[in-house]
Amino acid sequence: MSVDVEVKVSDWSKICSIFSEMFEGLGKVEISDDMVSFQSQKPHVATGITLDSEGRILANMPLHAVETEFQIVHFPANRQSIKLTGENSTYEYRIPPKILNLR
């Protein structure tokens, strides 16, 4: 059973591990020493999120895109979203329900 997890960006290997587990089977997942990325695949809704080890995020969904910086990554127990907290902002990326249905 998963639990809520809060990870500092400095614990990059833990972020990579949870991110990979969270998005497994939902689309294209890429993991490297300095970046983690998820992109949905056709015919599903176009969505994606990329985090880098310096604490930057790039997220896209239909009709919007976000670029910001963060220090903390929050993974909820249900693994259906990622909440990123920075010095001056918070951003939450939610996996669309149709993609979650692939689990």
N, C-alpha and C. Protein backbone atom coordinates (compact mmCIF):
# COMPACT_ATOMS: atom_id res chain seq x y z
N MET A 1 0.84 -1.18 0.00
CA MET A 1 0.00 0.00 0.00
C MET A 1 0.89 1.24 0.00
N SER A 2 0.62 2.16 -0.89
CA SER A 2 1.39 3.40 -0.96
C SER A 2 0.99 4.35 0.16
N VAL A 3 1.91 5.24 0.49
CA VAL A 3 1.66 6.28 1.48
C VAL A 3 2.03 7.62 0.87
N ASP A 4 1.54 8.71 1.49
CA ASP A 4 1.96 10.04 1.06
C ASP A 4 3.46 10.18 1.28
N VAL A 5 4.15 10.75 0.30
CA VAL A 5 5.59 10.92 0.40
C VAL A 5 5.94 12.35 0.00
N GLU A 6 6.80 12.99 0.80
CA GLU A 6 7.30 14.32 0.50
C GLU A 6 8.81 14.20 0.34
N VAL A 7 9.32 14.65 -0.81
CA VAL A 7 10.74 14.45 -1.14
C VAL A 7 11.37 15.78 -1.54
N LYS A 8 12.52 16.09 -0.96
CA LYS A 8 13.26 17.28 -1.37
C LYS A 8 13.94 16.99 -2.71
N VAL A 9 14.08 18.02 -3.53
CA VAL A 9 14.69 17.85 -4.85
C VAL A 9 16.11 17.30 -4.73
N SER A 10 16.76 17.53 -3.61
CA SER A 10 18.12 17.00 -3.42
C SER A 10 18.15 15.48 -3.34
N ASP A 11 17.00 14.85 -3.05
CA ASP A 11 16.93 13.38 -3.03
C ASP A 11 16.43 12.88 -4.39
N TRP A 12 17.20 13.19 -5.40
CA TRP A 12 16.80 12.95 -6.79
C TRP A 12 16.52 11.48 -7.08
N SER A 13 17.31 10.58 -6.53
CA SER A 13 17.10 9.16 -6.82
C SER A 13 15.74 8.68 -6.30
N LYS A 14 15.30 9.19 -5.16
CA LYS A 14 13.99 8.81 -4.64
C LYS A 14 12.88 9.38 -5.52
N ILE A 15 13.03 10.62 -5.98
CA ILE A 15 12.05 11.21 -6.89
C ILE A 15 11.95 10.35 -8.15
N CYS A 16 13.08 9.96 -8.72
CA CYS A 16 13.08 9.13 -9.93
C CYS A 16 12.36 7.81 -9.71
N SER A 17 12.60 7.19 -8.58
CA SER A 17 12.01 5.89 -8.28
C SER A 17 10.48 5.98 -8.16
N ILE A 18 10.00 6.94 -7.39
CA ILE A 18 8.55 7.08 -7.19
C ILE A 18 7.87 7.53 -8.48
N PHE A 19 8.49 8.45 -9.19
CA PHE A 19 7.95 8.94 -10.46
C PHE A 19 7.78 7.78 -11.44
N SER A 20 8.80 6.94 -11.56
CA SER A 20 8.77 5.80 -12.47
C SER A 20 7.64 4.84 -12.10
N GLU A 21 7.50 4.55 -10.81
CA GLU A 21 6.44 3.67 -10.33
C GLU A 21 5.06 4.27 -10.61
N MET A 22 4.94 5.56 -10.39
CA MET A 22 3.65 6.24 -10.53
C MET A 22 3.13 6.22 -11.97
N PHE A 23 4.02 6.41 -12.93
CA PHE A 23 3.61 6.52 -14.33
C PHE A 23 3.77 5.23 -15.13
N GLU A 24 4.22 4.16 -14.49
CA GLU A 24 4.42 2.89 -15.18
C GLU A 24 3.13 2.43 -15.88
N GLY A 25 3.24 2.13 -17.17
CA GLY A 25 2.11 1.63 -17.94
C GLY A 25 1.14 2.69 -18.44
N LEU A 26 1.42 3.96 -18.14
CA LEU A 26 0.48 5.03 -18.53
C LEU A 26 0.91 5.80 -19.77
N GLY A 27 2.13 5.58 -20.23
CA GLY A 27 2.65 6.31 -21.39
C GLY A 27 4.16 6.15 -21.44
N LYS A 28 4.80 7.11 -22.07
CA LYS A 28 6.26 7.07 -22.22
C LYS A 28 6.92 7.73 -21.00
N VAL A 29 7.77 6.97 -20.31
CA VAL A 29 8.48 7.48 -19.14
C VAL A 29 9.97 7.44 -19.45
N GLU A 30 10.65 8.56 -19.19
CA GLU A 30 12.10 8.63 -19.37
C GLU A 30 12.72 9.07 -18.05
N ILE A 31 13.78 8.39 -17.67
CA ILE A 31 14.49 8.69 -16.42
C ILE A 31 15.97 8.83 -16.76
N SER A 32 16.60 9.89 -16.25
CA SER A 32 18.04 10.05 -16.44
C SER A 32 18.63 10.64 -15.17
N ASP A 33 19.93 10.88 -15.20
CA ASP A 33 20.60 11.45 -14.03
C ASP A 33 20.10 12.84 -13.68
N ASP A 34 19.54 13.55 -14.66
CA ASP A 34 19.12 14.93 -14.38
C ASP A 34 17.69 15.26 -14.80
N MET A 35 16.89 14.25 -15.21
CA MET A 35 15.55 14.53 -15.67
C MET A 35 14.65 13.30 -15.54
N VAL A 36 13.36 13.55 -15.22
CA VAL A 36 12.33 12.53 -15.30
C VAL A 36 11.21 13.12 -16.15
N SER A 37 10.59 12.28 -16.97
CA SER A 37 9.59 12.80 -17.90
C SER A 37 8.51 11.76 -18.14
N PHE A 38 7.28 12.24 -18.24
CA PHE A 38 6.14 11.41 -18.64
C PHE A 38 5.44 12.11 -19.79
N GLN A 39 5.10 11.34 -20.82
CA GLN A 39 4.30 11.83 -21.94
C GLN A 39 3.25 10.78 -22.25
N SER A 40 1.99 11.21 -22.33
CA SER A 40 0.93 10.28 -22.73
C SER A 40 1.13 9.90 -24.19
N GLN A 41 0.48 8.83 -24.60
CA GLN A 41 0.59 8.39 -25.98
C GLN A 41 -0.78 8.34 -26.62
N LYS A 42 -0.81 8.57 -27.92
CA LYS A 42 -2.06 8.51 -28.66
C LYS A 42 -2.69 7.15 -28.52
N PRO A 43 -3.98 7.04 -28.48
CA PRO A 43 -4.99 8.05 -28.77
C PRO A 43 -5.44 8.81 -27.53
N HIS A 44 -4.72 8.71 -26.42
CA HIS A 44 -5.14 9.35 -25.17
C HIS A 44 -4.85 10.84 -25.20
N VAL A 45 -5.50 11.57 -24.28
CA VAL A 45 -5.33 13.01 -24.17
C VAL A 45 -3.84 13.35 -24.11
N ALA A 46 -3.46 14.41 -24.80
CA ALA A 46 -2.06 14.83 -24.82
C ALA A 46 -1.72 15.53 -23.51
N THR A 47 -0.81 14.94 -22.76
CA THR A 47 -0.39 15.52 -21.48
C THR A 47 1.01 15.04 -21.14
N GLY A 48 1.69 15.79 -20.33
CA GLY A 48 3.02 15.37 -19.92
C GLY A 48 3.58 16.26 -18.84
N ILE A 49 4.61 15.76 -18.20
CA ILE A 49 5.31 16.53 -17.16
C ILE A 49 6.77 16.11 -17.18
N THR A 50 7.64 17.10 -17.01
CA THR A 50 9.08 16.87 -16.93
C THR A 50 9.61 17.61 -15.71
N LEU A 51 10.39 16.92 -14.90
CA LEU A 51 11.06 17.52 -13.75
C LEU A 51 12.55 17.36 -13.98
N ASP A 52 13.34 18.36 -13.55
CA ASP A 52 14.78 18.16 -13.62
C ASP A 52 15.39 18.27 -12.24
N SER A 53 16.61 17.79 -12.12
CA SER A 53 17.27 17.67 -10.82
C SER A 53 17.65 19.02 -10.22
N GLU A 54 17.50 20.09 -11.00
CA GLU A 54 17.76 21.45 -10.50
C GLU A 54 16.50 22.07 -9.91
N GLY A 55 15.37 21.34 -9.97
CA GLY A 55 14.14 21.84 -9.39
C GLY A 55 13.28 22.65 -10.35
N ARG A 56 13.35 22.32 -11.62
CA ARG A 56 12.51 22.99 -12.61
C ARG A 56 11.47 22.01 -13.13
N ILE A 57 10.32 22.56 -13.49
CA ILE A 57 9.22 21.74 -14.01
C ILE A 57 8.75 22.32 -15.33
N LEU A 58 8.36 21.41 -16.23
CA LEU A 58 7.67 21.77 -17.45
C LEU A 58 6.50 20.81 -17.56
N ALA A 59 5.29 21.33 -17.51
CA ALA A 59 4.09 20.50 -17.60
C ALA A 59 3.21 21.02 -18.72
N ASN A 60 2.54 20.10 -19.41
CA ASN A 60 1.62 20.54 -20.45
C ASN A 60 0.38 19.68 -20.47
N MET A 61 -0.70 20.35 -20.71
CA MET A 61 -2.02 19.74 -20.87
C MET A 61 -2.67 20.54 -21.99
N PRO A 62 -3.77 20.04 -22.56
CA PRO A 62 -4.43 20.85 -23.58
C PRO A 62 -4.74 22.25 -23.05
N LEU A 63 -4.40 23.23 -23.82
CA LEU A 63 -4.70 24.64 -23.56
C LEU A 63 -3.82 25.31 -22.50
N HIS A 64 -2.86 24.62 -21.90
CA HIS A 64 -1.95 25.33 -21.01
C HIS A 64 -0.63 24.59 -20.85
N ALA A 65 0.36 25.39 -20.48
CA ALA A 65 1.68 24.84 -20.16
C ALA A 65 2.22 25.61 -18.96
N VAL A 66 3.06 24.98 -18.17
CA VAL A 66 3.59 25.59 -16.96
C VAL A 66 5.09 25.37 -16.93
N GLU A 67 5.82 26.42 -16.56
CA GLU A 67 7.25 26.31 -16.29
C GLU A 67 7.51 27.04 -14.98
N THR A 68 8.07 26.36 -14.00
CA THR A 68 8.34 26.98 -12.70
C THR A 68 9.42 26.19 -11.98
N GLU A 69 9.80 26.67 -10.79
CA GLU A 69 10.82 25.98 -9.99
C GLU A 69 10.21 25.46 -8.70
N PHE A 70 10.80 24.41 -8.16
CA PHE A 70 10.28 23.79 -6.94
C PHE A 70 11.43 23.28 -6.08
N GLN A 71 11.13 23.05 -4.80
CA GLN A 71 12.11 22.47 -3.88
C GLN A 71 11.61 21.14 -3.29
N ILE A 72 10.27 20.98 -3.23
CA ILE A 72 9.67 19.79 -2.62
C ILE A 72 8.70 19.14 -3.60
N VAL A 73 8.74 17.81 -3.68
CA VAL A 73 7.79 17.05 -4.49
C VAL A 73 6.93 16.23 -3.54
N HIS A 74 5.61 16.37 -3.67
CA HIS A 74 4.66 15.63 -2.84
C HIS A 74 3.99 14.58 -3.72
N PHE A 75 4.13 13.32 -3.35
CA PHE A 75 3.46 12.22 -4.03
C PHE A 75 2.36 11.71 -3.10
N PRO A 76 1.07 11.90 -3.43
CA PRO A 76 0.02 11.39 -2.55
C PRO A 76 -0.05 9.86 -2.62
N ALA A 77 -0.67 9.28 -1.62
CA ALA A 77 -0.77 7.81 -1.52
C ALA A 77 -1.42 7.19 -2.74
N ASN A 78 -2.40 7.85 -3.34
CA ASN A 78 -3.10 7.27 -4.49
C ASN A 78 -2.31 7.39 -5.79
N ARG A 79 -1.20 8.13 -5.77
CA ARG A 79 -0.33 8.30 -6.94
C ARG A 79 -1.10 8.76 -8.19
N GLN A 80 -2.04 9.68 -8.00
CA GLN A 80 -2.81 10.22 -9.12
C GLN A 80 -2.43 11.65 -9.45
N SER A 81 -1.51 12.23 -8.67
CA SER A 81 -1.07 13.61 -8.91
C SER A 81 0.32 13.80 -8.32
N ILE A 82 0.94 14.92 -8.69
CA ILE A 82 2.21 15.34 -8.10
C ILE A 82 2.04 16.80 -7.73
N LYS A 83 2.36 17.13 -6.50
CA LYS A 83 2.30 18.52 -6.06
C LYS A 83 3.72 19.01 -5.87
N LEU A 84 4.05 20.12 -6.52
CA LEU A 84 5.40 20.67 -6.47
C LEU A 84 5.34 22.01 -5.73
N THR A 85 6.16 22.13 -4.71
CA THR A 85 6.15 23.34 -3.90
C THR A 85 7.48 24.06 -4.04
N GLY A 86 7.39 25.34 -4.38
CA GLY A 86 8.56 26.18 -4.51
C GLY A 86 8.51 27.32 -3.52
N GLU A 87 9.48 28.19 -3.60
CA GLU A 87 9.57 29.32 -2.68
C GLU A 87 8.34 30.22 -2.77
N ASN A 88 7.86 30.46 -3.99
CA ASN A 88 6.75 31.40 -4.19
C ASN A 88 5.53 30.79 -4.86
N SER A 89 5.52 29.49 -5.06
CA SER A 89 4.39 28.91 -5.78
C SER A 89 4.22 27.42 -5.47
N THR A 90 3.03 26.95 -5.80
CA THR A 90 2.71 25.53 -5.71
C THR A 90 2.00 25.16 -7.01
N TYR A 91 2.35 24.00 -7.55
CA TYR A 91 1.70 23.51 -8.77
C TYR A 91 1.34 22.05 -8.56
N GLU A 92 0.14 21.69 -8.97
CA GLU A 92 -0.27 20.30 -8.88
C GLU A 92 -0.59 19.77 -10.28
N TYR A 93 0.08 18.70 -10.65
CA TYR A 93 -0.18 18.01 -11.92
C TYR A 93 -1.03 16.80 -11.61
N ARG A 94 -2.19 16.72 -12.24
CA ARG A 94 -3.09 15.57 -12.03
C ARG A 94 -3.12 14.73 -13.30
N ILE A 95 -2.99 13.45 -13.13
CA ILE A 95 -3.10 12.53 -14.26
C ILE A 95 -4.56 12.48 -14.67
N PRO A 96 -4.87 12.72 -15.94
CA PRO A 96 -6.26 12.68 -16.39
C PRO A 96 -6.90 11.30 -16.14
N PRO A 97 -8.18 11.30 -15.75
CA PRO A 97 -8.89 10.03 -15.46
C PRO A 97 -8.80 8.99 -16.57
N LYS A 98 -8.88 9.40 -17.82
CA LYS A 98 -8.83 8.43 -18.92
C LYS A 98 -7.47 7.73 -18.98
N ILE A 99 -6.44 8.42 -18.59
CA ILE A 99 -5.11 7.79 -18.56
C ILE A 99 -4.99 6.90 -17.32
N LEU A 100 -5.54 7.35 -16.20
CA LEU A 100 -5.52 6.51 -14.99
C LEU A 100 -6.22 5.18 -15.22
N ASN A 101 -7.21 5.16 -16.10
CA ASN A 101 -7.93 3.93 -16.41
C ASN A 101 -7.04 2.85 -17.02
N LEU A 102 -5.83 3.22 -17.47
CA LEU A 102 -4.90 2.25 -18.04
C LEU A 102 -4.26 1.38 -16.95
N ARG A 103 -4.37 1.79 -15.71
CA ARG A 103 -3.77 1.01 -14.60
C ARG A 103 -4.50 -0.30 -14.41
